[in-house]
Amino acid sequence: MKAKGGYHSPLRAAQAAATRERIVAACVAVMRRGADLTYASVAAEAGVQERTVYRYFPTKQDLEAALWDWIVQRLTHTDFAAQDEQQLVAAMRESFAGFDAGASLIHAMLHSPQGLDVRRGQQPARRAMFGACVDSAAPGLPLEVRDRAAAVLQVLYSAASWDLLRSLLDMDAAGAADTIELGIRSFLSGLRQQDGRQVAGHHATHIKSGGDP
């Protein structure tokens, strides 16, 4: 007698993957036109029943996470892996080009409660990346200064900055990236110089007070 279970159907798996991709594509289409991301709107766009959407994405957070993963992979092209200034600038330039390619979708994500929730979910990875870039540029900063410096980098390298430069100053991806690169490099250069002065000042005070060099 054959044991039940354990059988894996490649065809069924392929069909499930195709349905999942179809639902995610529907999420993208709904957000592109500025509609609310609901199970009903996604199901109608995908041409499936709502219960099918629920089967693949049991919670709204699951649905939003899948949408953001699509945006990260297809538009922002970043894995939050930059560890230094050069890598950060390169990642920013690739992200901004992706933002331009999907401008309406990025704009919708920036100005929707769902988009804010999803971006908050990515925050730990983003903070770690910007912190690592600060550590590379100016190692040994006091924790409070390091965290504030990382926050400055995040403000510079963000979809919000791209959106502002695009909508208010009519910059395309290349112009916005040039502007933000100038900001990143100037800020990190100033941070390094400030850190150097602090170290030199501490050393001079230490010698003047008679301490060991």
N, C-alpha and C. Protein backbone atom coordinates (compact mmCIF):
# COMPACT_ATOMS: atom_id res chain seq x y z
N MET A 1 0.85 -1.20 0.00
CA MET A 1 0.00 0.00 0.00
C MET A 1 0.88 1.25 0.00
N LYS A 2 0.60 2.19 -0.87
CA LYS A 2 1.42 3.40 -0.97
C LYS A 2 1.16 4.33 0.18
N ALA A 3 2.25 4.94 0.69
CA ALA A 3 2.09 5.91 1.78
C ALA A 3 1.51 7.20 1.21
N LYS A 4 0.58 7.78 1.96
CA LYS A 4 -0.02 9.03 1.53
C LYS A 4 0.92 10.20 1.78
N GLY A 5 0.82 11.23 1.00
CA GLY A 5 1.60 12.44 1.20
C GLY A 5 2.98 12.30 0.58
N GLY A 6 3.69 13.40 0.53
CA GLY A 6 5.06 13.38 0.04
C GLY A 6 5.15 13.54 -1.47
N TYR A 7 4.02 13.49 -2.19
CA TYR A 7 4.06 13.64 -3.63
C TYR A 7 4.10 15.12 -4.01
N HIS A 8 5.04 15.42 -4.88
CA HIS A 8 5.18 16.82 -5.31
C HIS A 8 4.92 16.90 -6.80
N SER A 9 3.95 17.69 -7.19
CA SER A 9 3.62 17.85 -8.60
C SER A 9 4.29 19.09 -9.15
N PRO A 10 5.25 18.93 -10.05
CA PRO A 10 5.91 20.11 -10.66
C PRO A 10 4.91 21.01 -11.38
N LEU A 11 3.90 20.39 -12.03
CA LEU A 11 2.90 21.19 -12.74
C LEU A 11 2.08 22.03 -11.77
N ARG A 12 1.68 21.41 -10.67
CA ARG A 12 0.89 22.15 -9.68
C ARG A 12 1.72 23.29 -9.07
N ALA A 13 2.99 23.01 -8.81
CA ALA A 13 3.87 24.04 -8.25
C ALA A 13 4.03 25.21 -9.22
N ALA A 14 4.16 24.87 -10.51
CA ALA A 14 4.32 25.91 -11.53
C ALA A 14 3.04 26.74 -11.64
N GLN A 15 1.90 26.09 -11.55
CA GLN A 15 0.63 26.81 -11.61
C GLN A 15 0.46 27.74 -10.41
N ALA A 16 0.87 27.26 -9.24
CA ALA A 16 0.78 28.08 -8.03
C ALA A 16 1.69 29.30 -8.15
N ALA A 17 2.91 29.09 -8.65
CA ALA A 17 3.85 30.20 -8.82
C ALA A 17 3.31 31.22 -9.81
N ALA A 18 2.69 30.73 -10.89
CA ALA A 18 2.12 31.64 -11.90
C ALA A 18 0.96 32.44 -11.32
N THR A 19 0.13 31.79 -10.51
CA THR A 19 -0.99 32.50 -9.89
C THR A 19 -0.47 33.57 -8.93
N ARG A 20 0.53 33.22 -8.16
CA ARG A 20 1.10 34.19 -7.22
C ARG A 20 1.65 35.41 -7.96
N GLU A 21 2.39 35.16 -9.04
CA GLU A 21 2.95 36.25 -9.84
C GLU A 21 1.84 37.11 -10.45
N ARG A 22 0.78 36.46 -10.85
CA ARG A 22 -0.36 37.18 -11.42
C ARG A 22 -0.99 38.11 -10.39
N ILE A 23 -1.09 37.66 -9.15
CA ILE A 23 -1.65 38.48 -8.09
C ILE A 23 -0.74 39.66 -7.78
N VAL A 24 0.56 39.41 -7.72
CA VAL A 24 1.51 40.50 -7.45
C VAL A 24 1.46 41.52 -8.58
N ALA A 25 1.39 41.04 -9.82
CA ALA A 25 1.28 41.96 -10.97
C ALA A 25 0.02 42.80 -10.86
N ALA A 26 -1.05 42.20 -10.35
CA ALA A 26 -2.29 42.94 -10.16
C ALA A 26 -2.11 44.02 -9.09
N CYS A 27 -1.37 43.71 -8.03
CA CYS A 27 -1.07 44.72 -7.01
C CYS A 27 -0.35 45.91 -7.63
N VAL A 28 0.62 45.61 -8.49
CA VAL A 28 1.37 46.67 -9.16
C VAL A 28 0.44 47.54 -9.99
N ALA A 29 -0.44 46.92 -10.75
CA ALA A 29 -1.37 47.66 -11.61
C ALA A 29 -2.32 48.53 -10.79
N VAL A 30 -2.81 47.99 -9.67
CA VAL A 30 -3.71 48.76 -8.80
C VAL A 30 -2.99 49.99 -8.25
N MET A 31 -1.75 49.80 -7.79
CA MET A 31 -1.00 50.92 -7.22
C MET A 31 -0.61 51.93 -8.29
N ARG A 32 -0.32 51.47 -9.49
CA ARG A 32 0.07 52.40 -10.56
C ARG A 32 -1.05 53.39 -10.87
N ARG A 33 -2.28 52.94 -10.79
CA ARG A 33 -3.38 53.86 -11.12
C ARG A 33 -3.89 54.61 -9.90
N GLY A 34 -3.21 54.41 -8.74
CA GLY A 34 -3.55 55.18 -7.55
C GLY A 34 -4.77 54.71 -6.81
N ALA A 35 -5.21 53.48 -7.08
CA ALA A 35 -6.39 52.93 -6.38
C ALA A 35 -5.96 52.32 -5.04
N ASP A 36 -6.94 52.10 -4.17
CA ASP A 36 -6.65 51.47 -2.88
C ASP A 36 -6.29 50.01 -3.09
N LEU A 37 -5.28 49.57 -2.36
CA LEU A 37 -4.84 48.19 -2.45
C LEU A 37 -5.70 47.35 -1.51
N THR A 38 -6.76 46.77 -2.04
CA THR A 38 -7.66 45.92 -1.26
C THR A 38 -7.72 44.54 -1.91
N TYR A 39 -8.20 43.57 -1.16
CA TYR A 39 -8.34 42.22 -1.72
C TYR A 39 -9.29 42.24 -2.91
N ALA A 40 -10.34 43.04 -2.79
CA ALA A 40 -11.32 43.11 -3.88
C ALA A 40 -10.71 43.71 -5.15
N SER A 41 -9.96 44.80 -4.99
CA SER A 41 -9.37 45.45 -6.17
C SER A 41 -8.31 44.56 -6.82
N VAL A 42 -7.52 43.88 -6.00
CA VAL A 42 -6.47 43.00 -6.53
C VAL A 42 -7.10 41.80 -7.24
N ALA A 43 -8.13 41.21 -6.63
CA ALA A 43 -8.79 40.05 -7.24
C ALA A 43 -9.41 40.42 -8.59
N ALA A 44 -10.06 41.58 -8.64
CA ALA A 44 -10.67 42.02 -9.89
C ALA A 44 -9.62 42.24 -10.97
N GLU A 45 -8.50 42.85 -10.59
CA GLU A 45 -7.42 43.11 -11.56
C GLU A 45 -6.79 41.82 -12.05
N ALA A 46 -6.63 40.86 -11.14
CA ALA A 46 -5.99 39.59 -11.50
C ALA A 46 -6.94 38.62 -12.19
N GLY A 47 -8.24 38.89 -12.09
CA GLY A 47 -9.21 37.99 -12.68
C GLY A 47 -9.38 36.70 -11.91
N VAL A 48 -9.25 36.80 -10.58
CA VAL A 48 -9.43 35.64 -9.71
C VAL A 48 -10.40 36.00 -8.60
N GLN A 49 -10.82 35.00 -7.85
CA GLN A 49 -11.71 35.25 -6.72
C GLN A 49 -10.90 35.79 -5.54
N GLU A 50 -11.59 36.52 -4.67
CA GLU A 50 -10.90 37.07 -3.50
C GLU A 50 -10.28 35.97 -2.64
N ARG A 51 -10.97 34.86 -2.53
CA ARG A 51 -10.46 33.78 -1.69
C ARG A 51 -9.13 33.23 -2.22
N THR A 52 -8.93 33.37 -3.53
CA THR A 52 -7.65 32.95 -4.10
C THR A 52 -6.53 33.87 -3.64
N VAL A 53 -6.81 35.16 -3.61
CA VAL A 53 -5.81 36.12 -3.12
C VAL A 53 -5.50 35.83 -1.66
N TYR A 54 -6.53 35.55 -0.87
CA TYR A 54 -6.34 35.23 0.55
C TYR A 54 -5.52 33.95 0.72
N ARG A 55 -5.71 32.99 -0.17
CA ARG A 55 -4.98 31.73 -0.06
C ARG A 55 -3.47 31.96 -0.20
N TYR A 56 -3.10 32.84 -1.11
CA TYR A 56 -1.67 33.08 -1.33
C TYR A 56 -1.11 34.14 -0.38
N PHE A 57 -1.95 35.08 0.03
CA PHE A 57 -1.53 36.17 0.91
C PHE A 57 -2.57 36.31 2.03
N PRO A 58 -2.43 35.54 3.09
CA PRO A 58 -3.45 35.50 4.15
C PRO A 58 -3.70 36.83 4.86
N THR A 59 -2.69 37.69 4.91
CA THR A 59 -2.86 38.98 5.59
C THR A 59 -2.52 40.11 4.64
N LYS A 60 -3.01 41.30 4.99
CA LYS A 60 -2.71 42.49 4.17
C LYS A 60 -1.22 42.77 4.18
N GLN A 61 -0.56 42.49 5.31
CA GLN A 61 0.87 42.70 5.39
C GLN A 61 1.62 41.79 4.41
N ASP A 62 1.14 40.56 4.25
CA ASP A 62 1.76 39.64 3.28
C ASP A 62 1.64 40.19 1.86
N LEU A 63 0.47 40.74 1.55
CA LEU A 63 0.23 41.30 0.22
C LEU A 63 1.14 42.50 -0.03
N GLU A 64 1.23 43.38 0.95
CA GLU A 64 2.06 44.58 0.81
C GLU A 64 3.54 44.22 0.73
N ALA A 65 3.95 43.23 1.51
CA ALA A 65 5.35 42.80 1.48
C ALA A 65 5.73 42.25 0.11
N ALA A 66 4.82 41.50 -0.50
CA ALA A 66 5.08 40.96 -1.83
C ALA A 66 5.20 42.08 -2.86
N LEU A 67 4.35 43.08 -2.73
CA LEU A 67 4.42 44.23 -3.63
C LEU A 67 5.74 44.97 -3.48
N TRP A 68 6.15 45.21 -2.22
CA TRP A 68 7.40 45.93 -2.00
C TRP A 68 8.60 45.12 -2.49
N ASP A 69 8.55 43.79 -2.32
CA ASP A 69 9.63 42.94 -2.84
C ASP A 69 9.74 43.11 -4.36
N TRP A 70 8.59 43.19 -5.01
CA TRP A 70 8.60 43.38 -6.46
C TRP A 70 9.25 44.72 -6.81
N ILE A 71 8.89 45.75 -6.07
CA ILE A 71 9.46 47.08 -6.32
C ILE A 71 10.96 47.08 -6.09
N VAL A 72 11.41 46.46 -5.00
CA VAL A 72 12.84 46.41 -4.69
C VAL A 72 13.60 45.68 -5.79
N GLN A 73 13.06 44.56 -6.24
CA GLN A 73 13.76 43.75 -7.23
C GLN A 73 13.71 44.35 -8.63
N ARG A 74 12.56 44.93 -8.98
CA ARG A 74 12.38 45.40 -10.36
C ARG A 74 12.68 46.88 -10.56
N LEU A 75 12.55 47.67 -9.50
CA LEU A 75 12.69 49.12 -9.66
C LEU A 75 13.86 49.71 -8.87
N THR A 76 13.95 49.39 -7.59
CA THR A 76 14.99 50.04 -6.78
C THR A 76 16.33 49.37 -6.93
N HIS A 77 16.35 48.09 -7.25
CA HIS A 77 17.59 47.35 -7.49
C HIS A 77 18.59 47.47 -6.32
N THR A 78 18.09 47.44 -5.13
CA THR A 78 19.00 47.51 -3.99
C THR A 78 18.70 46.40 -3.00
N ASP A 79 19.76 45.85 -2.41
CA ASP A 79 19.58 44.81 -1.40
C ASP A 79 20.08 45.29 -0.04
N PHE A 80 20.28 46.61 0.08
CA PHE A 80 20.74 47.21 1.33
C PHE A 80 22.08 46.63 1.77
N ALA A 81 22.94 46.30 0.80
CA ALA A 81 24.21 45.65 1.11
C ALA A 81 25.41 46.60 1.05
N ALA A 82 25.20 47.86 0.69
CA ALA A 82 26.33 48.80 0.57
C ALA A 82 27.05 48.92 1.92
N GLN A 83 28.38 48.94 1.86
CA GLN A 83 29.19 49.00 3.07
C GLN A 83 30.10 50.22 3.13
N ASP A 84 30.20 50.95 2.03
CA ASP A 84 31.07 52.13 2.02
C ASP A 84 30.52 53.16 1.05
N GLU A 85 31.22 54.28 0.96
CA GLU A 85 30.76 55.41 0.15
C GLU A 85 30.56 55.04 -1.31
N GLN A 86 31.54 54.36 -1.90
CA GLN A 86 31.46 54.02 -3.32
C GLN A 86 30.27 53.12 -3.60
N GLN A 87 30.09 52.11 -2.77
CA GLN A 87 28.97 51.19 -2.96
C GLN A 87 27.64 51.90 -2.76
N LEU A 88 27.59 52.81 -1.82
CA LEU A 88 26.35 53.54 -1.54
C LEU A 88 25.95 54.41 -2.73
N VAL A 89 26.92 55.12 -3.28
CA VAL A 89 26.64 55.99 -4.43
C VAL A 89 26.19 55.15 -5.63
N ALA A 90 26.86 54.02 -5.85
CA ALA A 90 26.48 53.16 -6.98
C ALA A 90 25.06 52.63 -6.80
N ALA A 91 24.73 52.21 -5.58
CA ALA A 91 23.38 51.70 -5.30
C ALA A 91 22.34 52.80 -5.49
N MET A 92 22.66 54.00 -5.04
CA MET A 92 21.74 55.12 -5.17
C MET A 92 21.45 55.41 -6.64
N ARG A 93 22.47 55.42 -7.46
CA ARG A 93 22.29 55.71 -8.88
C ARG A 93 21.40 54.65 -9.55
N GLU A 94 21.62 53.41 -9.20
CA GLU A 94 20.79 52.35 -9.78
C GLU A 94 19.35 52.47 -9.29
N SER A 95 19.20 52.80 -8.02
CA SER A 95 17.84 52.96 -7.47
C SER A 95 17.11 54.10 -8.15
N PHE A 96 17.77 55.24 -8.33
CA PHE A 96 17.11 56.40 -8.92
C PHE A 96 16.69 56.12 -10.36
N ALA A 97 17.50 55.36 -11.10
CA ALA A 97 17.12 54.99 -12.46
C ALA A 97 15.86 54.13 -12.43
N GLY A 98 15.79 53.23 -11.46
CA GLY A 98 14.60 52.40 -11.30
C GLY A 98 13.38 53.21 -10.90
N PHE A 99 13.60 54.21 -10.03
CA PHE A 99 12.49 55.07 -9.63
C PHE A 99 11.88 55.76 -10.84
N ASP A 100 12.74 56.26 -11.73
CA ASP A 100 12.25 56.94 -12.93
C ASP A 100 11.46 55.97 -13.82
N ALA A 101 11.93 54.73 -13.88
CA ALA A 101 11.28 53.74 -14.74
C ALA A 101 9.88 53.39 -14.24
N GLY A 102 9.67 53.48 -12.94
CA GLY A 102 8.36 53.19 -12.37
C GLY A 102 7.84 54.35 -11.55
N ALA A 103 7.94 55.55 -12.10
CA ALA A 103 7.66 56.77 -11.34
C ALA A 103 6.28 56.79 -10.70
N SER A 104 5.25 56.39 -11.45
CA SER A 104 3.89 56.46 -10.89
C SER A 104 3.72 55.49 -9.72
N LEU A 105 4.34 54.32 -9.82
CA LEU A 105 4.25 53.34 -8.74
C LEU A 105 5.01 53.80 -7.50
N ILE A 106 6.21 54.32 -7.69
CA ILE A 106 6.99 54.83 -6.56
C ILE A 106 6.26 55.99 -5.90
N HIS A 107 5.69 56.86 -6.71
CA HIS A 107 4.94 58.00 -6.16
C HIS A 107 3.75 57.51 -5.34
N ALA A 108 3.06 56.51 -5.85
CA ALA A 108 1.92 55.96 -5.12
C ALA A 108 2.36 55.34 -3.80
N MET A 109 3.47 54.64 -3.81
CA MET A 109 3.97 54.01 -2.59
C MET A 109 4.39 55.07 -1.57
N LEU A 110 4.95 56.16 -2.05
CA LEU A 110 5.40 57.22 -1.16
C LEU A 110 4.24 57.92 -0.47
N HIS A 111 3.10 57.96 -1.13
CA HIS A 111 1.99 58.76 -0.64
C HIS A 111 0.79 57.90 -0.23
N SER A 112 1.06 56.67 0.20
CA SER A 112 -0.02 55.81 0.66
C SER A 112 0.33 55.23 2.02
N PRO A 113 -0.67 55.01 2.87
CA PRO A 113 -0.42 54.38 4.17
C PRO A 113 0.22 53.01 4.02
N GLN A 114 -0.19 52.26 2.99
CA GLN A 114 0.39 50.94 2.78
C GLN A 114 1.88 51.04 2.48
N GLY A 115 2.23 52.01 1.63
CA GLY A 115 3.64 52.18 1.28
C GLY A 115 4.48 52.55 2.50
N LEU A 116 3.93 53.40 3.36
CA LEU A 116 4.66 53.78 4.57
C LEU A 116 4.87 52.57 5.48
N ASP A 117 3.86 51.75 5.62
CA ASP A 117 3.98 50.56 6.46
C ASP A 117 5.06 49.62 5.94
N VAL A 118 5.08 49.44 4.63
CA VAL A 118 6.06 48.54 4.03
C VAL A 118 7.47 49.10 4.19
N ARG A 119 7.63 50.40 3.97
CA ARG A 119 8.96 51.00 4.11
C ARG A 119 9.46 50.92 5.55
N ARG A 120 8.54 51.05 6.50
CA ARG A 120 8.93 50.88 7.90
C ARG A 120 9.45 49.47 8.16
N GLY A 121 8.86 48.51 7.48
CA GLY A 121 9.31 47.14 7.64
C GLY A 121 10.73 46.91 7.14
N GLN A 122 11.16 47.74 6.16
CA GLN A 122 12.52 47.64 5.62
C GLN A 122 13.53 48.45 6.43
N GLN A 123 13.05 49.20 7.41
CA GLN A 123 13.91 50.14 8.11
C GLN A 123 15.13 49.50 8.80
N PRO A 124 15.01 48.36 9.46
CA PRO A 124 16.20 47.78 10.09
C PRO A 124 17.35 47.53 9.11
N ALA A 125 17.01 47.01 7.92
CA ALA A 125 18.05 46.75 6.92
C ALA A 125 18.64 48.06 6.41
N ARG A 126 17.81 49.06 6.23
CA ARG A 126 18.30 50.35 5.74
C ARG A 126 19.21 51.01 6.78
N ARG A 127 18.80 51.00 8.04
CA ARG A 127 19.61 51.60 9.09
C ARG A 127 20.97 50.91 9.20
N ALA A 128 20.96 49.60 9.06
CA ALA A 128 22.22 48.85 9.15
C ALA A 128 23.16 49.25 8.00
N MET A 129 22.60 49.42 6.81
CA MET A 129 23.42 49.80 5.66
C MET A 129 24.03 51.19 5.85
N PHE A 130 23.20 52.16 6.22
CA PHE A 130 23.72 53.52 6.37
C PHE A 130 24.70 53.61 7.54
N GLY A 131 24.44 52.85 8.60
CA GLY A 131 25.38 52.83 9.72
C GLY A 131 26.72 52.27 9.30
N ALA A 132 26.72 51.22 8.50
CA ALA A 132 27.97 50.63 8.03
C ALA A 132 28.74 51.61 7.16
N CYS A 133 28.05 52.39 6.34
CA CYS A 133 28.72 53.37 5.48
C CYS A 133 29.33 54.50 6.31
N VAL A 134 28.66 54.91 7.38
CA VAL A 134 29.23 55.91 8.29
C VAL A 134 30.45 55.34 8.98
N ASP A 135 30.37 54.11 9.44
CA ASP A 135 31.51 53.47 10.11
C ASP A 135 32.72 53.39 9.19
N SER A 136 32.46 53.12 7.91
CA SER A 136 33.55 53.03 6.94
C SER A 136 34.20 54.40 6.71
N ALA A 137 33.38 55.44 6.64
CA ALA A 137 33.90 56.79 6.36
C ALA A 137 34.57 57.42 7.57
N ALA A 138 33.99 57.22 8.75
CA ALA A 138 34.51 57.87 9.97
C ALA A 138 34.34 56.90 11.13
N PRO A 139 35.21 55.91 11.23
CA PRO A 139 35.06 54.89 12.28
C PRO A 139 35.26 55.48 13.68
N GLY A 140 34.57 54.90 14.64
CA GLY A 140 34.77 55.28 16.03
C GLY A 140 34.00 56.49 16.49
N LEU A 141 33.02 56.94 15.73
CA LEU A 141 32.22 58.09 16.16
C LEU A 141 31.39 57.73 17.39
N PRO A 142 31.10 58.70 18.24
CA PRO A 142 30.16 58.43 19.33
C PRO A 142 28.84 57.92 18.76
N LEU A 143 28.18 57.04 19.48
CA LEU A 143 26.98 56.39 18.96
C LEU A 143 25.92 57.39 18.51
N GLU A 144 25.70 58.44 19.28
CA GLU A 144 24.67 59.42 18.93
C GLU A 144 25.01 60.12 17.62
N VAL A 145 26.29 60.48 17.46
CA VAL A 145 26.72 61.14 16.22
C VAL A 145 26.60 60.17 15.04
N ARG A 146 27.00 58.93 15.26
CA ARG A 146 26.92 57.91 14.20
C ARG A 146 25.48 57.73 13.74
N ASP A 147 24.57 57.64 14.67
CA ASP A 147 23.17 57.42 14.31
C ASP A 147 22.59 58.62 13.56
N ARG A 148 22.97 59.82 13.97
CA ARG A 148 22.48 61.00 13.27
C ARG A 148 23.08 61.09 11.87
N ALA A 149 24.35 60.73 11.75
CA ALA A 149 24.99 60.74 10.43
C ALA A 149 24.33 59.72 9.51
N ALA A 150 24.01 58.55 10.04
CA ALA A 150 23.32 57.54 9.24
C ALA A 150 21.95 58.04 8.80
N ALA A 151 21.28 58.79 9.68
CA ALA A 151 19.97 59.35 9.35
C ALA A 151 20.09 60.37 8.22
N VAL A 152 21.16 61.16 8.22
CA VAL A 152 21.39 62.13 7.13
C VAL A 152 21.53 61.39 5.80
N LEU A 153 22.31 60.30 5.79
CA LEU A 153 22.49 59.53 4.56
C LEU A 153 21.15 58.96 4.08
N GLN A 154 20.33 58.53 5.02
CA GLN A 154 19.04 57.98 4.63
C GLN A 154 18.13 59.04 4.02
N VAL A 155 18.19 60.24 4.55
CA VAL A 155 17.39 61.33 3.97
C VAL A 155 17.86 61.61 2.54
N LEU A 156 19.19 61.62 2.35
CA LEU A 156 19.73 61.90 1.02
C LEU A 156 19.37 60.80 0.03
N TYR A 157 19.65 59.56 0.41
CA TYR A 157 19.40 58.43 -0.48
C TYR A 157 18.03 57.85 -0.14
N SER A 158 17.02 58.43 -0.72
CA SER A 158 15.65 57.99 -0.45
C SER A 158 14.76 58.30 -1.65
N ALA A 159 13.68 57.55 -1.75
CA ALA A 159 12.71 57.82 -2.80
C ALA A 159 12.07 59.19 -2.60
N ALA A 160 11.97 59.62 -1.34
CA ALA A 160 11.39 60.94 -1.07
C ALA A 160 12.25 62.05 -1.65
N SER A 161 13.57 61.92 -1.53
CA SER A 161 14.47 62.93 -2.12
C SER A 161 14.38 62.92 -3.63
N TRP A 162 14.37 61.71 -4.20
CA TRP A 162 14.20 61.60 -5.66
C TRP A 162 12.90 62.27 -6.09
N ASP A 163 11.82 62.02 -5.37
CA ASP A 163 10.51 62.57 -5.72
C ASP A 163 10.52 64.10 -5.65
N LEU A 164 11.16 64.62 -4.61
CA LEU A 164 11.23 66.08 -4.46
C LEU A 164 12.01 66.71 -5.61
N LEU A 165 13.17 66.15 -5.94
CA LEU A 165 13.98 66.70 -7.02
C LEU A 165 13.27 66.58 -8.36
N ARG A 166 12.51 65.52 -8.53
CA ARG A 166 11.79 65.29 -9.78
C ARG A 166 10.59 66.23 -9.91
N SER A 167 9.81 66.36 -8.84
CA SER A 167 8.55 67.09 -8.94
C SER A 167 8.72 68.60 -8.79
N LEU A 168 9.69 69.04 -7.98
CA LEU A 168 9.86 70.47 -7.75
C LEU A 168 10.95 71.10 -8.60
N LEU A 169 11.97 70.33 -8.94
CA LEU A 169 13.09 70.88 -9.71
C LEU A 169 13.22 70.28 -11.10
N ASP A 170 12.25 69.46 -11.49
CA ASP A 170 12.19 68.89 -12.84
C ASP A 170 13.45 68.13 -13.23
N MET A 171 14.05 67.43 -12.27
CA MET A 171 15.26 66.65 -12.57
C MET A 171 14.88 65.24 -12.99
N ASP A 172 15.61 64.70 -13.96
CA ASP A 172 15.45 63.29 -14.29
C ASP A 172 16.35 62.47 -13.36
N ALA A 173 16.39 61.16 -13.57
CA ALA A 173 17.14 60.28 -12.67
C ALA A 173 18.62 60.67 -12.61
N ALA A 174 19.20 61.00 -13.76
CA ALA A 174 20.62 61.33 -13.79
C ALA A 174 20.91 62.62 -13.02
N GLY A 175 20.07 63.64 -13.24
CA GLY A 175 20.27 64.89 -12.53
C GLY A 175 20.07 64.75 -11.04
N ALA A 176 19.05 63.99 -10.65
CA ALA A 176 18.80 63.77 -9.22
C ALA A 176 19.94 62.98 -8.60
N ALA A 177 20.43 61.98 -9.32
CA ALA A 177 21.54 61.17 -8.79
C ALA A 177 22.81 62.00 -8.65
N ASP A 178 23.08 62.88 -9.62
CA ASP A 178 24.25 63.76 -9.51
C ASP A 178 24.14 64.66 -8.28
N THR A 179 22.95 65.16 -8.04
CA THR A 179 22.72 66.05 -6.90
C THR A 179 22.92 65.30 -5.58
N ILE A 180 22.34 64.13 -5.48
CA ILE A 180 22.45 63.36 -4.24
C ILE A 180 23.87 62.83 -4.04
N GLU A 181 24.55 62.47 -5.12
CA GLU A 181 25.95 62.05 -4.97
C GLU A 181 26.79 63.18 -4.40
N LEU A 182 26.56 64.41 -4.89
CA LEU A 182 27.27 65.56 -4.35
C LEU A 182 26.99 65.69 -2.85
N GLY A 183 25.74 65.52 -2.47
CA GLY A 183 25.38 65.62 -1.06
C GLY A 183 26.04 64.54 -0.22
N ILE A 184 26.01 63.30 -0.69
CA ILE A 184 26.59 62.18 0.06
C ILE A 184 28.10 62.37 0.23
N ARG A 185 28.77 62.66 -0.87
CA ARG A 185 30.23 62.78 -0.82
C ARG A 185 30.66 63.99 0.03
N SER A 186 29.96 65.09 -0.11
CA SER A 186 30.30 66.29 0.67
C SER A 186 30.06 66.04 2.16
N PHE A 187 28.96 65.39 2.47
CA PHE A 187 28.65 65.12 3.87
C PHE A 187 29.67 64.19 4.49
N LEU A 188 30.01 63.10 3.82
CA LEU A 188 30.98 62.16 4.38
C LEU A 188 32.37 62.76 4.46
N SER A 189 32.72 63.61 3.49
CA SER A 189 34.01 64.30 3.56
C SER A 189 34.06 65.22 4.78
N GLY A 190 32.99 65.97 4.99
CA GLY A 190 32.93 66.84 6.16
C GLY A 190 32.94 66.05 7.45
N LEU A 191 32.29 64.90 7.45
CA LEU A 191 32.26 64.05 8.65
C LEU A 191 33.66 63.53 8.97
N ARG A 192 34.39 63.14 7.92
CA ARG A 192 35.76 62.68 8.14
C ARG A 192 36.65 63.79 8.68
N GLN A 193 36.51 65.00 8.12
CA GLN A 193 37.31 66.14 8.58
C GLN A 193 36.97 66.50 10.02
N GLN A 194 35.70 66.50 10.34
CA GLN A 194 35.28 66.80 11.71
C GLN A 194 35.81 65.75 12.67
N ASP A 195 35.74 64.49 12.28
CA ASP A 195 36.25 63.43 13.12
C ASP A 195 37.75 63.57 13.33
N GLY A 196 38.46 63.97 12.26
CA GLY A 196 39.90 64.17 12.38
C GLY A 196 40.24 65.29 13.33
N ARG A 197 39.48 66.39 13.27
CA ARG A 197 39.73 67.52 14.17
C ARG A 197 39.45 67.13 15.62
N GLN A 198 38.41 66.32 15.81
CA GLN A 198 38.08 65.88 17.16
C GLN A 198 39.20 65.02 17.74
N VAL A 199 39.73 64.12 16.90
CA VAL A 199 40.81 63.26 17.36
C VAL A 199 42.06 64.08 17.65
N ALA A 200 42.38 65.03 16.76
CA ALA A 200 43.55 65.87 16.96
C ALA A 200 43.39 66.73 18.21
N GLY A 201 42.21 67.30 18.40
CA GLY A 201 41.96 68.13 19.58
C GLY A 201 42.06 67.34 20.86
N HIS A 202 41.56 66.11 20.85
CA HIS A 202 41.64 65.26 22.03
C HIS A 202 43.10 64.93 22.33
N HIS A 203 43.88 64.65 21.27
CA HIS A 203 45.29 64.30 21.44
C HIS A 203 46.07 65.48 22.03
N ALA A 204 45.81 66.70 21.51
CA ALA A 204 46.50 67.88 22.01
C ALA A 204 46.16 68.16 23.48
N THR A 205 44.91 68.01 23.84
CA THR A 205 44.48 68.22 25.22
C THR A 205 45.13 67.20 26.13
N HIS A 206 45.23 65.98 25.63
CA HIS A 206 45.81 64.90 26.42
C HIS A 206 47.29 65.20 26.72
N ILE A 207 48.02 65.68 25.70
CA ILE A 207 49.44 65.99 25.89
C ILE A 207 49.60 67.18 26.82
N LYS A 208 48.78 68.23 26.64
CA LYS A 208 48.87 69.45 27.45
C LYS A 208 48.62 69.16 28.91
N SER A 209 47.74 68.17 29.17
CA SER A 209 47.42 67.86 30.55
C SER A 209 48.45 66.94 31.19
N GLY A 210 49.45 66.56 30.41
CA GLY A 210 50.51 65.73 30.97
C GLY A 210 50.26 64.25 30.88
N GLY A 211 49.22 63.86 30.14
CA GLY A 211 48.95 62.44 30.02
C GLY A 211 49.89 61.77 29.07
N ASP A 212 49.92 60.46 29.09
CA ASP A 212 50.79 59.71 28.19
C ASP A 212 50.28 59.85 26.76
N PRO A 213 51.17 60.00 25.79
CA PRO A 213 50.75 60.15 24.38
C PRO A 213 50.15 58.84 23.89
